[in-house]
């Protein structure tokens, strides 16, 4: 697909450290754990007074200690991967937003009747301990990743519930969709686009002309559903055409396009990549909608 690619998919919303443990337990190793610096515990021992809050989500507290530990894990993971950290304010926003989204997902799971039992949590802890090499190795891993036992269990419990709700959302996305198969002529100046349009109007075959601009693919964009292409103007034009028709000149940030629809199928099975894209969009929209109807108060600036 040339200069009219698909949207990059995301693996999930609210992927905190504990969520990654759930999804990648089989890949856990003591070598990975040893690469991270020792971080402060997630939670302080219980006290008679309320713990300082980073955010309240529909009355549920994300404590300042939880947030600070998650921020430290985020920073450690980025540095271990050789990534440049963004500005501190952006780091804090990314981490807190992720934690809020996870709480929203976990709350929705509970409202739907899903329950994370102590046995569920212990089962995941036992699996991780076995993968790391035993209970002592697990305790060492927790310490290096900024968890105490209570904090790790709470984080894992939330992550399990959030993962369940996430799976419900993405599973609801249909596996078939109205799709078009299209090709394009893509040029990089208005004059070139005008010349190409004149040639089409004079009767030149679209496919032949498109191959002159793109000898490798002939401008073929393949099959795609709504919400898949990076250029919404191109996508909108494609879905407005009948097979065999071509569009007016469409200007986008990547150039000047003329689109021809080759064929259309109202219930074509989605490709793996297209399904991933639509599932990601569904999850992101769910979070937007959930935030809009929730009471969220943050204390981090």
C-alpha atoms as a PDB file:
ATOM      1  CA  UNK A   1       0.000   0.000   0.000  1.00  0.00           C
ATOM      2  CA  UNK A   2       1.666   3.199  -1.147  1.00  0.00           C
ATOM      3  CA  UNK A   3       1.354   6.469   0.811  1.00  0.00           C
ATOM      4  CA  UNK A   4      -2.159   5.576   1.834  1.00  0.00           C
ATOM      5  CA  UNK A   5      -1.447   3.116   4.592  1.00  0.00           C
ATOM      6  CA  UNK A   6      -3.468   1.654   7.361  1.00  0.00           C
ATOM      7  CA  UNK A   7      -3.587   3.059  10.859  1.00  0.00           C
ATOM      8  CA  UNK A   8      -1.066   1.640  13.292  1.00  0.00           C
ATOM      9  CA  UNK A   9      -2.796  -0.691  15.716  1.00  0.00           C
ATOM     10  CA  UNK A  10      -2.340  -0.719  19.447  1.00  0.00           C
ATOM     11  CA  UNK A  11      -2.179  -3.800  21.524  1.00  0.00           C
ATOM     12  CA  UNK A  12      -4.576  -2.487  24.182  1.00  0.00           C
ATOM     13  CA  UNK A  13      -5.552   0.440  26.290  1.00  0.00           C
ATOM     14  CA  UNK A  14      -4.372   0.611  29.914  1.00  0.00           C
ATOM     15  CA  UNK A  15      -1.313  -1.607  29.602  1.00  0.00           C
ATOM     16  CA  UNK A  16       0.372  -1.211  32.976  1.00  0.00           C
ATOM     17  CA  UNK A  17       3.152  -3.368  34.342  1.00  0.00           C
ATOM     18  CA  UNK A  18       0.750  -5.882  35.835  1.00  0.00           C
ATOM     19  CA  UNK A  19      -1.219  -6.143  32.571  1.00  0.00           C
ATOM     20  CA  UNK A  20       1.975  -6.996  30.789  1.00  0.00           C
ATOM     21  CA  UNK A  21       2.570  -9.725  33.370  1.00  0.00           C
ATOM     22  CA  UNK A  22      -0.813 -11.249  32.524  1.00  0.00           C
ATOM     23  CA  UNK A  23      -0.213 -11.173  28.772  1.00  0.00           C
ATOM     24  CA  UNK A  24       3.424 -12.142  28.756  1.00  0.00           C
ATOM     25  CA  UNK A  25       3.963 -14.405  31.771  1.00  0.00           C
ATOM     26  CA  UNK A  26       5.561 -17.014  29.566  1.00  0.00           C
ATOM     27  CA  UNK A  27       8.222 -14.512  28.515  1.00  0.00           C
ATOM     28  CA  UNK A  28       9.141 -13.422  32.033  1.00  0.00           C
ATOM     29  CA  UNK A  29      12.726 -14.001  33.122  1.00  0.00           C
ATOM     30  CA  UNK A  30      15.035 -13.196  35.944  1.00  0.00           C
ATOM     31  CA  UNK A  31      17.417 -11.573  33.495  1.00  0.00           C
ATOM     32  CA  UNK A  32      14.779  -8.997  32.580  1.00  0.00           C
ATOM     33  CA  UNK A  33      14.051  -8.326  36.207  1.00  0.00           C
ATOM     34  CA  UNK A  34      17.692  -7.836  37.050  1.00  0.00           C
ATOM     35  CA  UNK A  35      18.016  -5.182  34.355  1.00  0.00           C
ATOM     36  CA  UNK A  36      15.666  -2.831  36.176  1.00  0.00           C
ATOM     37  CA  UNK A  37      16.753  -0.617  39.064  1.00  0.00           C
ATOM     38  CA  UNK A  38      15.305  -1.077  42.523  1.00  0.00           C
ATOM     39  CA  UNK A  39      12.144   1.023  42.859  1.00  0.00           C
ATOM     40  CA  UNK A  40      10.164   2.201  45.879  1.00  0.00           C
ATOM     41  CA  UNK A  41       7.273   0.019  47.121  1.00  0.00           C
ATOM     42  CA  UNK A  42       3.872   0.639  45.539  1.00  0.00           C
ATOM     43  CA  UNK A  43       1.902   1.103  48.724  1.00  0.00           C
ATOM     44  CA  UNK A  44       2.733   2.365  52.184  1.00  0.00           C
ATOM     45  CA  UNK A  45       1.504   0.349  55.199  1.00  0.00           C
ATOM     46  CA  UNK A  46      -2.136   1.098  56.065  1.00  0.00           C
ATOM     47  CA  UNK A  47      -2.709   4.058  58.367  1.00  0.00           C
ATOM     48  CA  UNK A  48      -5.690   5.501  60.107  1.00  0.00           C
ATOM     49  CA  UNK A  49      -5.750   8.503  57.773  1.00  0.00           C
ATOM     50  CA  UNK A  50      -6.659   8.506  54.079  1.00  0.00           C
ATOM     51  CA  UNK A  51      -3.739   7.961  51.743  1.00  0.00           C
ATOM     52  CA  UNK A  52      -2.768  10.875  49.479  1.00  0.00           C
ATOM     53  CA  UNK A  53      -4.560  10.570  46.163  1.00  0.00           C
ATOM     54  CA  UNK A  54      -3.312  10.910  42.583  1.00  0.00           C
ATOM     55  CA  UNK A  55      -6.834  10.514  41.184  1.00  0.00           C
ATOM     56  CA  UNK A  56     -10.338   9.548  42.187  1.00  0.00           C
ATOM     57  CA  UNK A  57     -12.243   7.576  39.554  1.00  0.00           C
ATOM     58  CA  UNK A  58     -15.954   7.254  40.344  1.00  0.00           C
ATOM     59  CA  UNK A  59     -15.009   7.257  44.025  1.00  0.00           C
ATOM     60  CA  UNK A  60     -12.159   4.746  43.670  1.00  0.00           C
ATOM     61  CA  UNK A  61      -8.792   6.024  44.806  1.00  0.00           C
ATOM     62  CA  UNK A  62      -5.594   5.740  42.808  1.00  0.00           C
ATOM     63  CA  UNK A  63      -3.131   6.527  45.576  1.00  0.00           C
ATOM     64  CA  UNK A  64      -0.180   8.812  45.142  1.00  0.00           C
ATOM     65  CA  UNK A  65       2.103   5.946  46.139  1.00  0.00           C
ATOM     66  CA  UNK A  66       0.647   3.724  43.399  1.00  0.00           C
ATOM     67  CA  UNK A  67       1.091   6.473  40.847  1.00  0.00           C
ATOM     68  CA  UNK A  68       4.673   7.252  41.868  1.00  0.00           C
ATOM     69  CA  UNK A  69       5.643   3.579  41.676  1.00  0.00           C
ATOM     70  CA  UNK A  70       3.998   3.181  38.261  1.00  0.00           C
ATOM     71  CA  UNK A  71       5.765   6.322  37.029  1.00  0.00           C
ATOM     72  CA  UNK A  72       9.089   4.892  38.230  1.00  0.00           C
ATOM     73  CA  UNK A  73       8.372   1.627  36.389  1.00  0.00           C
ATOM     74  CA  UNK A  74       7.512   3.551  33.240  1.00  0.00           C
ATOM     75  CA  UNK A  75      10.760   5.517  33.435  1.00  0.00           C
ATOM     76  CA  UNK A  76      12.859   2.437  34.186  1.00  0.00           C
ATOM     77  CA  UNK A  77      11.357   0.482  31.298  1.00  0.00           C
ATOM     78  CA  UNK A  78      11.933   3.347  28.860  1.00  0.00           C
ATOM     79  CA  UNK A  79      15.541   3.778  29.924  1.00  0.00           C
ATOM     80  CA  UNK A  80      16.182   0.024  29.783  1.00  0.00           C
ATOM     81  CA  UNK A  81      14.859   0.037  26.206  1.00  0.00           C
ATOM     82  CA  UNK A  82      17.126   2.941  25.274  1.00  0.00           C
ATOM     83  CA  UNK A  83      14.214   5.318  24.684  1.00  0.00           C
ATOM     84  CA  UNK A  84      14.332   9.050  25.310  1.00  0.00           C
ATOM     85  CA  UNK A  85      11.858  10.078  27.977  1.00  0.00           C
ATOM     86  CA  UNK A  86       9.402  12.865  27.119  1.00  0.00           C
ATOM     87  CA  UNK A  87       8.978  15.926  29.315  1.00  0.00           C
ATOM     88  CA  UNK A  88       8.131  15.137  32.938  1.00  0.00           C
ATOM     89  CA  UNK A  89       4.613  16.541  32.622  1.00  0.00           C
ATOM     90  CA  UNK A  90       3.987  14.308  29.597  1.00  0.00           C
ATOM     91  CA  UNK A  91       5.316  11.285  31.484  1.00  0.00           C
ATOM     92  CA  UNK A  92       2.970  11.936  34.387  1.00  0.00           C
ATOM     93  CA  UNK A  93      -0.018  12.462  32.102  1.00  0.00           C
ATOM     94  CA  UNK A  94       0.644   9.277  30.131  1.00  0.00           C
ATOM     95  CA  UNK A  95       1.008   7.151  33.259  1.00  0.00           C
ATOM     96  CA  UNK A  96      -1.973   8.610  35.094  1.00  0.00           C
ATOM     97  CA  UNK A  97      -4.202   8.414  32.017  1.00  0.00           C
ATOM     98  CA  UNK A  98      -3.255   4.766  31.611  1.00  0.00           C
ATOM     99  CA  UNK A  99      -4.034   4.023  35.256  1.00  0.00           C
ATOM    100  CA  UNK A 100      -7.381   5.824  35.050  1.00  0.00           C
ATOM    101  CA  UNK A 101      -8.324   3.899  31.920  1.00  0.00           C
ATOM    102  CA  UNK A 102      -7.467   0.637  33.633  1.00  0.00           C
ATOM    103  CA  UNK A 103      -9.651   1.489  36.634  1.00  0.00           C
ATOM    104  CA  UNK A 104     -12.535   2.379  34.291  1.00  0.00           C
ATOM    105  CA  UNK A 105     -12.180  -0.971  32.539  1.00  0.00           C
ATOM    106  CA  UNK A 106     -11.998  -2.839  35.840  1.00  0.00           C
ATOM    107  CA  UNK A 107     -15.063  -1.013  37.176  1.00  0.00           C
ATOM    108  CA  UNK A 108     -17.035  -1.880  34.040  1.00  0.00           C
ATOM    109  CA  UNK A 109     -16.027  -5.535  34.395  1.00  0.00           C
ATOM    110  CA  UNK A 110     -17.320  -5.566  37.970  1.00  0.00           C
ATOM    111  CA  UNK A 111     -20.594  -3.928  36.888  1.00  0.00           C
ATOM    112  CA  UNK A 112     -20.947  -6.632  34.225  1.00  0.00           C
ATOM    113  CA  UNK A 113     -20.676  -9.298  36.916  1.00  0.00           C
ATOM    114  CA  UNK A 114     -17.069 -10.352  36.414  1.00  0.00           C
ATOM    115  CA  UNK A 115     -15.272 -11.120  39.661  1.00  0.00           C
ATOM    116  CA  UNK A 116     -11.564 -11.599  40.250  1.00  0.00           C
ATOM    117  CA  UNK A 117     -11.193 -14.055  43.123  1.00  0.00           C
ATOM    118  CA  UNK A 118      -8.233 -14.442  45.448  1.00  0.00           C
ATOM    119  CA  UNK A 119      -7.671 -17.801  43.775  1.00  0.00           C
ATOM    120  CA  UNK A 120      -7.423 -16.108  40.362  1.00  0.00           C
ATOM    121  CA  UNK A 121      -4.826 -13.687  41.665  1.00  0.00           C
ATOM    122  CA  UNK A 122      -2.866 -16.426  43.419  1.00  0.00           C
ATOM    123  CA  UNK A 123      -2.888 -18.571  40.288  1.00  0.00           C
ATOM    124  CA  UNK A 124      -1.231 -15.814  38.265  1.00  0.00           C
ATOM    125  CA  UNK A 125       1.260 -15.139  41.038  1.00  0.00           C
ATOM    126  CA  UNK A 126       2.158 -18.844  41.190  1.00  0.00           C
ATOM    127  CA  UNK A 127       2.681 -18.945  37.423  1.00  0.00           C
ATOM    128  CA  UNK A 128       4.964 -15.931  37.548  1.00  0.00           C
ATOM    129  CA  UNK A 129       6.894 -17.366  40.499  1.00  0.00           C
ATOM    130  CA  UNK A 130       7.396 -20.641  38.628  1.00  0.00           C
ATOM    131  CA  UNK A 131       8.600 -18.806  35.535  1.00  0.00           C
ATOM    132  CA  UNK A 132      11.023 -16.648  37.533  1.00  0.00           C
ATOM    133  CA  UNK A 133      12.426 -19.610  39.438  1.00  0.00           C
ATOM    134  CA  UNK A 134      10.608 -19.714  42.751  1.00  0.00           C
ATOM    135  CA  UNK A 135       9.101 -17.600  45.518  1.00  0.00           C
ATOM    136  CA  UNK A 136      12.379 -15.947  46.459  1.00  0.00           C
ATOM    137  CA  UNK A 137      12.931 -14.892  42.855  1.00  0.00           C
ATOM    138  CA  UNK A 138       9.398 -13.489  42.751  1.00  0.00           C
ATOM    139  CA  UNK A 139       9.970 -11.430  45.890  1.00  0.00           C
ATOM    140  CA  UNK A 140      13.183 -10.112  44.389  1.00  0.00           C
ATOM    141  CA  UNK A 141      11.325  -9.266  41.167  1.00  0.00           C
ATOM    142  CA  UNK A 142       8.604  -7.428  43.104  1.00  0.00           C
ATOM    143  CA  UNK A 143      11.209  -5.377  44.965  1.00  0.00           C
ATOM    144  CA  UNK A 144      13.091  -4.464  41.799  1.00  0.00           C
ATOM    145  CA  UNK A 145       9.830  -3.433  40.122  1.00  0.00           C
ATOM    146  CA  UNK A 146       8.597  -1.294  43.006  1.00  0.00           C
ATOM    147  CA  UNK A 147       5.933  -3.599  44.456  1.00  0.00           C
ATOM    148  CA  UNK A 148       5.196  -4.888  47.896  1.00  0.00           C
ATOM    149  CA  UNK A 149       2.953  -7.949  48.147  1.00  0.00           C
ATOM    150  CA  UNK A 150      -0.279  -6.037  48.812  1.00  0.00           C
ATOM    151  CA  UNK A 151       0.419  -3.521  46.063  1.00  0.00           C
ATOM    152  CA  UNK A 152       1.240  -6.226  43.548  1.00  0.00           C
ATOM    153  CA  UNK A 153      -1.935  -8.165  44.333  1.00  0.00           C
ATOM    154  CA  UNK A 154      -4.066  -5.020  43.957  1.00  0.00           C
ATOM    155  CA  UNK A 155      -2.433  -4.127  40.656  1.00  0.00           C
ATOM    156  CA  UNK A 156      -2.839  -7.677  39.368  1.00  0.00           C
ATOM    157  CA  UNK A 157      -6.481  -7.793  40.441  1.00  0.00           C
ATOM    158  CA  UNK A 158      -7.246  -4.576  38.562  1.00  0.00           C
ATOM    159  CA  UNK A 159      -5.328  -5.765  35.542  1.00  0.00           C
ATOM    160  CA  UNK A 160      -7.215  -9.058  35.364  1.00  0.00           C
ATOM    161  CA  UNK A 161     -10.557  -7.265  35.493  1.00  0.00           C
ATOM    162  CA  UNK A 162      -9.439  -4.632  32.978  1.00  0.00           C
ATOM    163  CA  UNK A 163      -8.165  -7.305  30.601  1.00  0.00           C
ATOM    164  CA  UNK A 164     -11.499  -9.144  30.789  1.00  0.00           C
ATOM    165  CA  UNK A 165     -13.451  -5.975  29.961  1.00  0.00           C
ATOM    166  CA  UNK A 166     -11.042  -5.098  27.158  1.00  0.00           C
ATOM    167  CA  UNK A 167     -11.582  -8.548  25.653  1.00  0.00           C
ATOM    168  CA  UNK A 168     -15.365  -8.078  25.762  1.00  0.00           C
ATOM    169  CA  UNK A 169     -15.075  -4.797  23.872  1.00  0.00           C
ATOM    170  CA  UNK A 170     -12.824  -6.069  21.126  1.00  0.00           C
ATOM    171  CA  UNK A 171     -14.749  -9.343  20.788  1.00  0.00           C
ATOM    172  CA  UNK A 172     -17.879  -7.319  19.975  1.00  0.00           C
ATOM    173  CA  UNK A 173     -16.277  -5.911  16.815  1.00  0.00           C
ATOM    174  CA  UNK A 174     -17.705  -7.781  13.787  1.00  0.00           C
ATOM    175  CA  UNK A 175     -15.255  -9.864  11.771  1.00  0.00           C
ATOM    176  CA  UNK A 176     -16.874  -8.826   8.488  1.00  0.00           C
ATOM    177  CA  UNK A 177     -17.514  -5.318   7.154  1.00  0.00           C
ATOM    178  CA  UNK A 178     -18.498  -3.307   4.120  1.00  0.00           C
ATOM    179  CA  UNK A 179     -15.239  -3.028   2.184  1.00  0.00           C
ATOM    180  CA  UNK A 180     -13.986  -1.632  -1.095  1.00  0.00           C
ATOM    181  CA  UNK A 181     -11.109  -2.700  -3.293  1.00  0.00           C
ATOM    182  CA  UNK A 182      -9.557   0.426  -4.778  1.00  0.00           C
ATOM    183  CA  UNK A 183      -6.565   1.741  -6.663  1.00  0.00           C
ATOM    184  CA  UNK A 184      -5.118   5.219  -6.819  1.00  0.00           C
ATOM    185  CA  UNK A 185      -3.026   7.592  -8.851  1.00  0.00           C
ATOM    186  CA  UNK A 186      -0.839   9.501  -6.406  1.00  0.00           C
ATOM    187  CA  UNK A 187       1.255  12.484  -7.482  1.00  0.00           C
ATOM    188  CA  UNK A 188       2.946  15.267  -5.585  1.00  0.00           C
ATOM    189  CA  UNK A 189       1.905  18.458  -7.382  1.00  0.00           C
ATOM    190  CA  UNK A 190      -1.396  19.977  -8.464  1.00  0.00           C
ATOM    191  CA  UNK A 191      -0.136  20.265 -12.057  1.00  0.00           C
ATOM    192  CA  UNK A 192       0.663  16.541 -12.237  1.00  0.00           C
ATOM    193  CA  UNK A 193      -2.743  15.702 -10.821  1.00  0.00           C
ATOM    194  CA  UNK A 194      -4.482  17.937 -13.360  1.00  0.00           C
ATOM    195  CA  UNK A 195      -2.561  16.288 -16.187  1.00  0.00           C
ATOM    196  CA  UNK A 196      -3.494  12.812 -14.958  1.00  0.00           C
ATOM    197  CA  UNK A 197      -7.164  13.803 -14.726  1.00  0.00           C
ATOM    198  CA  UNK A 198      -7.084  15.166 -18.272  1.00  0.00           C
ATOM    199  CA  UNK A 199      -5.683  11.856 -19.507  1.00  0.00           C
ATOM    200  CA  UNK A 200      -8.446   9.941 -17.744  1.00  0.00           C
ATOM    201  CA  UNK A 201     -11.122  12.192 -19.197  1.00  0.00           C
ATOM    202  CA  UNK A 202      -9.647  11.696 -22.650  1.00  0.00           C
ATOM    203  CA  UNK A 203     -10.316   7.987 -22.286  1.00  0.00           C
ATOM    204  CA  UNK A 204      -7.045   6.549 -21.015  1.00  0.00           C
ATOM    205  CA  UNK A 205      -7.471   3.383 -18.941  1.00  0.00           C
ATOM    206  CA  UNK A 206      -7.168   4.077 -15.217  1.00  0.00           C
ATOM    207  CA  UNK A 207      -5.250   0.883 -14.415  1.00  0.00           C
ATOM    208  CA  UNK A 208      -2.749   1.516 -17.201  1.00  0.00           C
ATOM    209  CA  UNK A 209      -2.216   5.120 -16.153  1.00  0.00           C
ATOM    210  CA  UNK A 210      -1.889   4.156 -12.468  1.00  0.00           C
ATOM    211  CA  UNK A 211       0.817   1.611 -13.309  1.00  0.00           C
ATOM    212  CA  UNK A 212       2.784   4.374 -14.986  1.00  0.00           C
ATOM    213  CA  UNK A 213       2.918   6.214 -11.659  1.00  0.00           C
ATOM    214  CA  UNK A 214       3.402   3.070  -9.562  1.00  0.00           C
ATOM    215  CA  UNK A 215       5.071   0.304 -11.605  1.00  0.00           C
ATOM    216  CA  UNK A 216       5.273  -2.078  -8.633  1.00  0.00           C
ATOM    217  CA  UNK A 217       1.666  -2.163  -7.400  1.00  0.00           C
ATOM    218  CA  UNK A 218      -0.229  -0.189  -9.996  1.00  0.00           C
ATOM    219  CA  UNK A 219      -1.614   1.987  -7.218  1.00  0.00           C
ATOM    220  CA  UNK A 220      -3.544  -0.952  -5.728  1.00  0.00           C
ATOM    221  CA  UNK A 221      -4.767  -0.132  -2.212  1.00  0.00           C
ATOM    222  CA  UNK A 222      -6.244  -3.585  -1.634  1.00  0.00           C
ATOM    223  CA  UNK A 223      -9.455  -4.178   0.303  1.00  0.00           C
ATOM    224  CA  UNK A 224     -10.243  -1.942   3.287  1.00  0.00           C
ATOM    225  CA  UNK A 225     -13.195  -1.047   5.563  1.00  0.00           C
ATOM    226  CA  UNK A 226     -14.203   2.381   6.813  1.00  0.00           C
ATOM    227  CA  UNK A 227     -11.864   3.635   9.533  1.00  0.00           C
ATOM    228  CA  UNK A 228      -8.786   1.852   8.194  1.00  0.00           C
ATOM    229  CA  UNK A 229      -6.843   4.247   5.971  1.00  0.00           C
ATOM    230  CA  UNK A 230      -4.623   6.996   7.348  1.00  0.00           C
ATOM    231  CA  UNK A 231      -6.148   9.542   4.937  1.00  0.00           C
ATOM    232  CA  UNK A 232      -9.876   9.868   5.752  1.00  0.00           C
ATOM    233  CA  UNK A 233     -10.482  12.005   2.650  1.00  0.00           C
ATOM    234  CA  UNK A 234      -9.310   9.156   0.427  1.00  0.00           C
ATOM    235  CA  UNK A 235     -11.398   6.647   2.329  1.00  0.00           C
ATOM    236  CA  UNK A 236     -14.525   8.814   2.142  1.00  0.00           C
ATOM    237  CA  UNK A 237     -14.090   9.233  -1.602  1.00  0.00           C
ATOM    238  CA  UNK A 238     -13.646   5.501  -2.122  1.00  0.00           C
ATOM    239  CA  UNK A 239     -16.853   4.649  -0.263  1.00  0.00           C
ATOM    240  CA  UNK A 240     -18.802   7.256  -2.238  1.00  0.00           C
ATOM    241  CA  UNK A 241     -17.970   5.636  -5.602  1.00  0.00           C
ATOM    242  CA  UNK A 242     -19.492   2.770  -7.539  1.00  0.00           C
ATOM    243  CA  UNK A 243     -17.196   0.071  -8.964  1.00  0.00           C
ATOM    244  CA  UNK A 244     -15.493   1.390 -12.091  1.00  0.00           C
ATOM    245  CA  UNK A 245     -15.948   5.063 -11.158  1.00  0.00           C
ATOM    246  CA  UNK A 246     -13.110   7.362 -10.192  1.00  0.00           C
ATOM    247  CA  UNK A 247     -12.974  10.411  -7.953  1.00  0.00           C
ATOM    248  CA  UNK A 248     -12.072  14.055  -8.393  1.00  0.00           C
ATOM    249  CA  UNK A 249      -8.590  15.113  -7.331  1.00  0.00           C
ATOM    250  CA  UNK A 250      -8.191  14.728  -3.556  1.00  0.00           C
ATOM    251  CA  UNK A 251      -5.462  16.682  -1.769  1.00  0.00           C
ATOM    252  CA  UNK A 252      -4.036  15.248   1.456  1.00  0.00           C
ATOM    253  CA  UNK A 253      -0.894  15.808   3.470  1.00  0.00           C
ATOM    254  CA  UNK A 254       0.937  13.197   1.373  1.00  0.00           C
ATOM    255  CA  UNK A 255      -0.009  14.473  -2.083  1.00  0.00           C
ATOM    256  CA  UNK A 256      -2.769  14.503  -4.704  1.00  0.00           C
ATOM    257  CA  UNK A 257      -4.880  11.382  -5.192  1.00  0.00           C
ATOM    258  CA  UNK A 258      -7.343  10.148  -7.784  1.00  0.00           C
ATOM    259  CA  UNK A 259      -9.196   7.037  -6.575  1.00  0.00           C
ATOM    260  CA  UNK A 260     -10.930   4.331  -8.562  1.00  0.00           C
ATOM    261  CA  UNK A 261     -13.084   1.652  -6.924  1.00  0.00           C
ATOM    262  CA  UNK A 262     -12.516  -1.765  -8.484  1.00  0.00           C
ATOM    263  CA  UNK A 263     -15.095  -3.766  -6.514  1.00  0.00           C
ATOM    264  CA  UNK A 264     -17.130  -3.677  -3.305  1.00  0.00           C
ATOM    265  CA  UNK A 265     -18.348  -6.310  -0.847  1.00  0.00           C
ATOM    266  CA  UNK A 266     -20.803  -5.378   1.950  1.00  0.00           C
ATOM    267  CA  UNK A 267     -19.825  -8.364   4.157  1.00  0.00           C
ATOM    268  CA  UNK A 268     -16.240  -9.167   3.339  1.00  0.00           C
ATOM    269  CA  UNK A 269     -14.172 -10.877   6.089  1.00  0.00           C
ATOM    270  CA  UNK A 270     -11.700  -8.443   7.601  1.00  0.00           C
ATOM    271  CA  UNK A 271      -7.994  -9.041   7.253  1.00  0.00           C
ATOM    272  CA  UNK A 272      -6.105  -9.595  10.496  1.00  0.00           C
ATOM    273  CA  UNK A 273      -4.598  -6.099  10.313  1.00  0.00           C
ATOM    274  CA  UNK A 274      -7.932  -4.425   9.533  1.00  0.00           C
ATOM    275  CA  UNK A 275      -9.649  -6.275  12.385  1.00  0.00           C
ATOM    276  CA  UNK A 276      -6.893  -5.212  14.786  1.00  0.00           C
ATOM    277  CA  UNK A 277      -7.309  -1.601  13.669  1.00  0.00           C
ATOM    278  CA  UNK A 278     -11.081  -1.604  14.156  1.00  0.00           C
ATOM    279  CA  UNK A 279     -10.767  -3.334  17.532  1.00  0.00           C
ATOM    280  CA  UNK A 280      -8.301  -0.701  18.672  1.00  0.00           C
ATOM    281  CA  UNK A 281     -10.625   2.069  17.542  1.00  0.00           C
ATOM    282  CA  UNK A 282     -13.533   0.445  19.372  1.00  0.00           C
ATOM    283  CA  UNK A 283     -11.499   0.231  22.565  1.00  0.00           C
ATOM    284  CA  UNK A 284     -10.316   3.826  22.301  1.00  0.00           C
ATOM    285  CA  UNK A 285     -13.868   5.044  21.674  1.00  0.00           C
ATOM    286  CA  UNK A 286     -15.135   3.037  24.647  1.00  0.00           C
ATOM    287  CA  UNK A 287     -12.608   4.776  26.887  1.00  0.00           C
ATOM    288  CA  UNK A 288     -13.596   8.203  25.527  1.00  0.00           C
ATOM    289  CA  UNK A 289     -17.268   7.486  26.155  1.00  0.00           C
ATOM    290  CA  UNK A 290     -16.617   6.041  29.625  1.00  0.00           C
ATOM    291  CA  UNK A 291     -14.535   9.025  30.653  1.00  0.00           C
ATOM    292  CA  UNK A 292     -17.281  11.391  29.513  1.00  0.00           C
ATOM    293  CA  UNK A 293     -19.838   9.835  31.864  1.00  0.00           C
ATOM    294  CA  UNK A 294     -17.504   9.252  34.807  1.00  0.00           C
ATOM    295  CA  UNK A 295     -16.450  11.442  37.713  1.00  0.00           C
ATOM    296  CA  UNK A 296     -12.665  11.765  37.576  1.00  0.00           C
ATOM    297  CA  UNK A 297     -10.723  14.093  39.833  1.00  0.00           C
ATOM    298  CA  UNK A 298      -6.936  14.251  39.488  1.00  0.00           C
ATOM    299  CA  UNK A 299      -4.356  15.704  41.854  1.00  0.00           C
ATOM    300  CA  UNK A 300      -1.295  15.485  39.600  1.00  0.00           C
ATOM    301  CA  UNK A 301      -0.021  18.452  37.609  1.00  0.00           C
END
